[in-house]
Amino acid sequence: MANMVTIAVLDCRCCGKCDSICPYNAIEKENKKTRINYDRCTGCLKCVEICPNRSIVVMD
């Protein structure tokens, strides 16, 4: 895992906002499900900040 934080996707509504904001292309869609590619994710949290549904969260 390249980042220092763990980000989880919970109950995503697939609005696509996180896809367009991630500067590292770490947001992936597969079978209408959103997942984080931890090899690309740097933990910048831009996806967490932009998610209107609070579906992308930082895990402790």
PDB file of N, CA and C in Angstrom:
ATOM      1  N   MET A   1       0.848  -1.176   0.000  1.00  0.00           N
ATOM      2  CA  MET A   1       0.000   0.000   0.000  1.00  0.00           C
ATOM      3  C   MET A   1       0.894   1.239   0.000  1.00  0.00           C
ATOM      4  N   ALA A   2       0.655   2.119  -0.962  1.00  0.00           N
ATOM      5  CA  ALA A   2       1.502   3.287  -1.144  1.00  0.00           C
ATOM      6  C   ALA A   2       1.149   4.432  -0.203  1.00  0.00           C
ATOM      7  N   ASN A   3      -0.063   4.458   0.318  1.00  0.00           N
ATOM      8  CA  ASN A   3      -0.466   5.594   1.131  1.00  0.00           C
ATOM      9  C   ASN A   3      -0.347   5.290   2.617  1.00  0.00           C
ATOM     10  N   MET A   4      -0.499   6.327   3.433  1.00  0.00           N
ATOM     11  CA  MET A   4      -0.382   6.175   4.872  1.00  0.00           C
ATOM     12  C   MET A   4      -1.748   6.073   5.550  1.00  0.00           C
ATOM     13  N   VAL A   5      -2.805   6.294   4.839  1.00  0.00           N
ATOM     14  CA  VAL A   5      -4.156   6.190   5.374  1.00  0.00           C
ATOM     15  C   VAL A   5      -4.912   5.121   4.601  1.00  0.00           C
ATOM     16  N   THR A   6      -5.909   4.569   5.239  1.00  0.00           N
ATOM     17  CA  THR A   6      -6.750   3.599   4.557  1.00  0.00           C
ATOM     18  C   THR A   6      -8.074   4.265   4.231  1.00  0.00           C
ATOM     19  N   ILE A   7      -8.419   4.238   2.979  1.00  0.00           N
ATOM     20  CA  ILE A   7      -9.655   4.842   2.502  1.00  0.00           C
ATOM     21  C   ILE A   7     -10.580   3.707   2.082  1.00  0.00           C
ATOM     22  N   ALA A   8     -11.822   3.797   2.503  1.00  0.00           N
ATOM     23  CA  ALA A   8     -12.806   2.773   2.155  1.00  0.00           C
ATOM     24  C   ALA A   8     -13.969   3.396   1.407  1.00  0.00           C
ATOM     25  N   VAL A   9     -14.569   2.607   0.531  1.00  0.00           N
ATOM     26  CA  VAL A   9     -15.745   3.040  -0.217  1.00  0.00           C
ATOM     27  C   VAL A   9     -16.943   2.287   0.349  1.00  0.00           C
ATOM     28  N   LEU A  10     -17.893   3.042   0.877  1.00  0.00           N
ATOM     29  CA  LEU A  10     -19.091   2.462   1.484  1.00  0.00           C
ATOM     30  C   LEU A  10     -20.335   2.998   0.789  1.00  0.00           C
ATOM     31  N   ASP A  11     -21.179   2.127   0.318  1.00  0.00           N
ATOM     32  CA  ASP A  11     -22.470   2.516  -0.258  1.00  0.00           C
ATOM     33  C   ASP A  11     -22.349   3.612  -1.320  1.00  0.00           C
ATOM     34  N   CYS A  12     -21.455   3.424  -2.257  1.00  0.00           N
ATOM     35  CA  CYS A  12     -21.221   4.396  -3.324  1.00  0.00           C
ATOM     36  C   CYS A  12     -22.423   4.467  -4.258  1.00  0.00           C
ATOM     37  N   ARG A  13     -22.775   5.674  -4.674  1.00  0.00           N
ATOM     38  CA  ARG A  13     -23.882   5.882  -5.612  1.00  0.00           C
ATOM     39  C   ARG A  13     -23.396   6.142  -7.041  1.00  0.00           C
ATOM     40  N   CYS A  14     -22.109   6.005  -7.259  1.00  0.00           N
ATOM     41  CA  CYS A  14     -21.489   6.101  -8.587  1.00  0.00           C
ATOM     42  C   CYS A  14     -21.761   7.425  -9.298  1.00  0.00           C
ATOM     43  N   CYS A  15     -21.661   8.531  -8.576  1.00  0.00           N
ATOM     44  CA  CYS A  15     -21.891   9.844  -9.195  1.00  0.00           C
ATOM     45  C   CYS A  15     -20.728  10.261 -10.088  1.00  0.00           C
ATOM     46  N   GLY A  16     -19.526   9.704  -9.851  1.00  0.00           N
ATOM     47  CA  GLY A  16     -18.374   9.982 -10.705  1.00  0.00           C
ATOM     48  C   GLY A  16     -17.523  11.171 -10.299  1.00  0.00           C
ATOM     49  N   LYS A  17     -17.905  11.894  -9.254  1.00  0.00           N
ATOM     50  CA  LYS A  17     -17.128  13.069  -8.856  1.00  0.00           C
ATOM     51  C   LYS A  17     -15.719  12.697  -8.407  1.00  0.00           C
ATOM     52  N   CYS A  18     -15.587  11.597  -7.702  1.00  0.00           N
ATOM     53  CA  CYS A  18     -14.263  11.183  -7.229  1.00  0.00           C
ATOM     54  C   CYS A  18     -13.366  10.766  -8.395  1.00  0.00           C
ATOM     55  N   ASP A  19     -13.962  10.166  -9.415  1.00  0.00           N
ATOM     56  CA  ASP A  19     -13.190   9.752 -10.594  1.00  0.00           C
ATOM     57  C   ASP A  19     -12.465  10.930 -11.221  1.00  0.00           C
ATOM     58  N   SER A  20     -13.193  12.022 -11.337  1.00  0.00           N
ATOM     59  CA  SER A  20     -12.636  13.176 -12.037  1.00  0.00           C
ATOM     60  C   SER A  20     -11.674  13.990 -11.181  1.00  0.00           C
ATOM     61  N   ILE A  21     -11.737  13.867  -9.861  1.00  0.00           N
ATOM     62  CA  ILE A  21     -10.873  14.688  -9.001  1.00  0.00           C
ATOM     63  C   ILE A  21      -9.549  13.993  -8.653  1.00  0.00           C
ATOM     64  N   CYS A  22      -9.509  12.689  -8.717  1.00  0.00           N
ATOM     65  CA  CYS A  22      -8.299  11.970  -8.297  1.00  0.00           C
ATOM     66  C   CYS A  22      -7.139  12.230  -9.258  1.00  0.00           C
ATOM     67  N   PRO A  23      -6.076  12.877  -8.765  1.00  0.00           N
ATOM     68  CA  PRO A  23      -4.943  13.185  -9.642  1.00  0.00           C
ATOM     69  C   PRO A  23      -4.065  11.968  -9.962  1.00  0.00           C
ATOM     70  N   TYR A  24      -4.311  10.855  -9.281  1.00  0.00           N
ATOM     71  CA  TYR A  24      -3.481   9.662  -9.449  1.00  0.00           C
ATOM     72  C   TYR A  24      -4.222   8.511 -10.114  1.00  0.00           C
ATOM     73  N   ASN A  25      -5.452   8.775 -10.589  1.00  0.00           N
ATOM     74  CA  ASN A  25      -6.280   7.740 -11.227  1.00  0.00           C
ATOM     75  C   ASN A  25      -6.403   6.493 -10.362  1.00  0.00           C
ATOM     76  N   ALA A  26      -6.595   6.706  -9.064  1.00  0.00           N
ATOM     77  CA  ALA A  26      -6.686   5.596  -8.123  1.00  0.00           C
ATOM     78  C   ALA A  26      -8.114   5.120  -7.897  1.00  0.00           C
ATOM     79  N   ILE A  27      -9.086   5.809  -8.479  1.00  0.00           N
ATOM     80  CA  ILE A  27     -10.483   5.412  -8.343  1.00  0.00           C
ATOM     81  C   ILE A  27     -10.840   4.542  -9.542  1.00  0.00           C
ATOM     82  N   GLU A  28     -11.295   3.348  -9.266  1.00  0.00           N
ATOM     83  CA  GLU A  28     -11.646   2.426 -10.336  1.00  0.00           C
ATOM     84  C   GLU A  28     -13.083   1.966 -10.185  1.00  0.00           C
ATOM     85  N   LYS A  29     -13.748   1.777 -11.312  1.00  0.00           N
ATOM     86  CA  LYS A  29     -15.110   1.243 -11.341  1.00  0.00           C
ATOM     87  C   LYS A  29     -15.040  -0.154 -11.941  1.00  0.00           C
ATOM     88  N   GLU A  30     -15.665  -1.084 -11.250  1.00  0.00           N
ATOM     89  CA  GLU A  30     -15.699  -2.455 -11.741  1.00  0.00           C
ATOM     90  C   GLU A  30     -17.060  -3.050 -11.409  1.00  0.00           C
ATOM     91  N   ASN A  31     -17.793  -3.467 -12.432  1.00  0.00           N
ATOM     92  CA  ASN A  31     -19.151  -4.011 -12.250  1.00  0.00           C
ATOM     93  C   ASN A  31     -20.027  -3.060 -11.434  1.00  0.00           C
ATOM     94  N   LYS A  32     -19.991  -1.793 -11.801  1.00  0.00           N
ATOM     95  CA  LYS A  32     -20.769  -0.738 -11.142  1.00  0.00           C
ATOM     96  C   LYS A  32     -20.421  -0.570  -9.659  1.00  0.00           C
ATOM     97  N   LYS A  33     -19.214  -0.933  -9.302  1.00  0.00           N
ATOM     98  CA  LYS A  33     -18.737  -0.734  -7.932  1.00  0.00           C
ATOM     99  C   LYS A  33     -17.465   0.103  -7.981  1.00  0.00           C
ATOM    100  N   THR A  34     -17.338   0.993  -7.025  1.00  0.00           N
ATOM    101  CA  THR A  34     -16.167   1.854  -6.947  1.00  0.00           C
ATOM    102  C   THR A  34     -15.178   1.241  -5.972  1.00  0.00           C
ATOM    103  N   ARG A  35     -13.911   1.253  -6.361  1.00  0.00           N
ATOM    104  CA  ARG A  35     -12.880   0.783  -5.450  1.00  0.00           C
ATOM    105  C   ARG A  35     -11.649   1.653  -5.569  1.00  0.00           C
ATOM    106  N   ILE A  36     -10.829   1.611  -4.550  1.00  0.00           N
ATOM    107  CA  ILE A  36      -9.586   2.373  -4.510  1.00  0.00           C
ATOM    108  C   ILE A  36      -8.445   1.456  -4.920  1.00  0.00           C
ATOM    109  N   ASN A  37      -7.646   1.897  -5.870  1.00  0.00           N
ATOM    110  CA  ASN A  37      -6.442   1.166  -6.239  1.00  0.00           C
ATOM    111  C   ASN A  37      -5.337   1.674  -5.309  1.00  0.00           C
ATOM    112  N   TYR A  38      -5.019   0.893  -4.284  1.00  0.00           N
ATOM    113  CA  TYR A  38      -4.070   1.330  -3.263  1.00  0.00           C
ATOM    114  C   TYR A  38      -2.635   1.423  -3.773  1.00  0.00           C
ATOM    115  N   ASP A  39      -2.349   0.809  -4.916  1.00  0.00           N
ATOM    116  CA  ASP A  39      -1.021   0.955  -5.506  1.00  0.00           C
ATOM    117  C   ASP A  39      -0.826   2.354  -6.082  1.00  0.00           C
ATOM    118  N   ARG A  40      -1.923   2.999  -6.468  1.00  0.00           N
ATOM    119  CA  ARG A  40      -1.859   4.352  -7.029  1.00  0.00           C
ATOM    120  C   ARG A  40      -2.198   5.437  -6.007  1.00  0.00           C
ATOM    121  N   CYS A  41      -3.017   5.099  -5.025  1.00  0.00           N
ATOM    122  CA  CYS A  41      -3.503   6.076  -4.047  1.00  0.00           C
ATOM    123  C   CYS A  41      -2.358   6.599  -3.172  1.00  0.00           C
ATOM    124  N   THR A  42      -2.317   7.909  -3.017  1.00  0.00           N
ATOM    125  CA  THR A  42      -1.290   8.528  -2.161  1.00  0.00           C
ATOM    126  C   THR A  42      -1.870   9.041  -0.853  1.00  0.00           C
ATOM    127  N   GLY A  43      -3.181   8.914  -0.699  1.00  0.00           N
ATOM    128  CA  GLY A  43      -3.824   9.381   0.518  1.00  0.00           C
ATOM    129  C   GLY A  43      -4.050  10.879   0.554  1.00  0.00           C
ATOM    130  N   CYS A  44      -4.219  11.500  -0.591  1.00  0.00           N
ATOM    131  CA  CYS A  44      -4.404  12.956  -0.650  1.00  0.00           C
ATOM    132  C   CYS A  44      -5.776  13.387  -0.122  1.00  0.00           C
ATOM    133  N   LEU A  45      -6.726  12.463  -0.078  1.00  0.00           N
ATOM    134  CA  LEU A  45      -8.080  12.664   0.463  1.00  0.00           C
ATOM    135  C   LEU A  45      -8.981  13.571  -0.378  1.00  0.00           C
ATOM    136  N   LYS A  46      -8.589  13.866  -1.604  1.00  0.00           N
ATOM    137  CA  LYS A  46      -9.453  14.680  -2.461  1.00  0.00           C
ATOM    138  C   LYS A  46     -10.776  13.972  -2.735  1.00  0.00           C
ATOM    139  N   CYS A  47     -10.741  12.659  -2.851  1.00  0.00           N
ATOM    140  CA  CYS A  47     -11.967  11.897  -3.089  1.00  0.00           C
ATOM    141  C   CYS A  47     -12.895  11.953  -1.875  1.00  0.00           C
ATOM    142  N   VAL A  48     -12.320  11.923  -0.691  1.00  0.00           N
ATOM    143  CA  VAL A  48     -13.111  12.003   0.540  1.00  0.00           C
ATOM    144  C   VAL A  48     -13.783  13.367   0.627  1.00  0.00           C
ATOM    145  N   GLU A  49     -13.038  14.402   0.307  1.00  0.00           N
ATOM    146  CA  GLU A  49     -13.554  15.771   0.394  1.00  0.00           C
ATOM    147  C   GLU A  49     -14.674  16.040  -0.608  1.00  0.00           C
ATOM    148  N   ILE A  50     -14.602  15.460  -1.806  1.00  0.00           N
ATOM    149  CA  ILE A  50     -15.575  15.797  -2.853  1.00  0.00           C
ATOM    150  C   ILE A  50     -16.823  14.910  -2.824  1.00  0.00           C
ATOM    151  N   CYS A  51     -16.782  13.782  -2.162  1.00  0.00           N
ATOM    152  CA  CYS A  51     -17.916  12.861  -2.196  1.00  0.00           C
ATOM    153  C   CYS A  51     -19.157  13.479  -1.563  1.00  0.00           C
ATOM    154  N   PRO A  52     -20.217  13.703  -2.362  1.00  0.00           N
ATOM    155  CA  PRO A  52     -21.419  14.345  -1.830  1.00  0.00           C
ATOM    156  C   PRO A  52     -22.233  13.435  -0.904  1.00  0.00           C
ATOM    157  N   ASN A  53     -21.978  12.147  -0.982  1.00  0.00           N
ATOM    158  CA  ASN A  53     -22.741  11.177  -0.192  1.00  0.00           C
ATOM    159  C   ASN A  53     -21.971  10.648   1.011  1.00  0.00           C
ATOM    160  N   ARG A  54     -20.762  11.145   1.175  1.00  0.00           N
ATOM    161  CA  ARG A  54     -19.870  10.678   2.257  1.00  0.00           C
ATOM    162  C   ARG A  54     -19.666   9.170   2.185  1.00  0.00           C
ATOM    163  N   SER A  55     -19.564   8.679   0.966  1.00  0.00           N
ATOM    164  CA  SER A  55     -19.374   7.250   0.750  1.00  0.00           C
ATOM    165  C   SER A  55     -17.915   6.839   0.791  1.00  0.00           C
ATOM    166  N   ILE A  56     -17.022   7.792   0.636  1.00  0.00           N
ATOM    167  CA  ILE A  56     -15.589   7.503   0.697  1.00  0.00           C
ATOM    168  C   ILE A  56     -15.100   8.063   2.030  1.00  0.00           C
ATOM    169  N   VAL A  57     -14.577   7.169   2.846  1.00  0.00           N
ATOM    170  CA  VAL A  57     -14.222   7.548   4.214  1.00  0.00           C
ATOM    171  C   VAL A  57     -12.812   7.092   4.564  1.00  0.00           C
ATOM    172  N   VAL A  58     -12.232   7.775   5.543  1.00  0.00           N
ATOM    173  CA  VAL A  58     -10.931   7.374   6.085  1.00  0.00           C
ATOM    174  C   VAL A  58     -11.200   6.421   7.237  1.00  0.00           C
ATOM    175  N   MET A  59     -10.555   5.282   7.199  1.00  0.00           N
ATOM    176  CA  MET A  59     -10.699   4.286   8.251  1.00  0.00           C
ATOM    177  C   MET A  59      -9.568   4.457   9.261  1.00  0.00           C
ATOM    178  N   ASP A  60      -9.879   4.245  10.512  1.00  0.00           N
ATOM    179  CA  ASP A  60      -8.852   4.313  11.579  1.00  0.00           C
ATOM    180  C   ASP A  60      -8.035   3.059  11.608  1.00  0.00           C
TER     181      ASP A  60
END
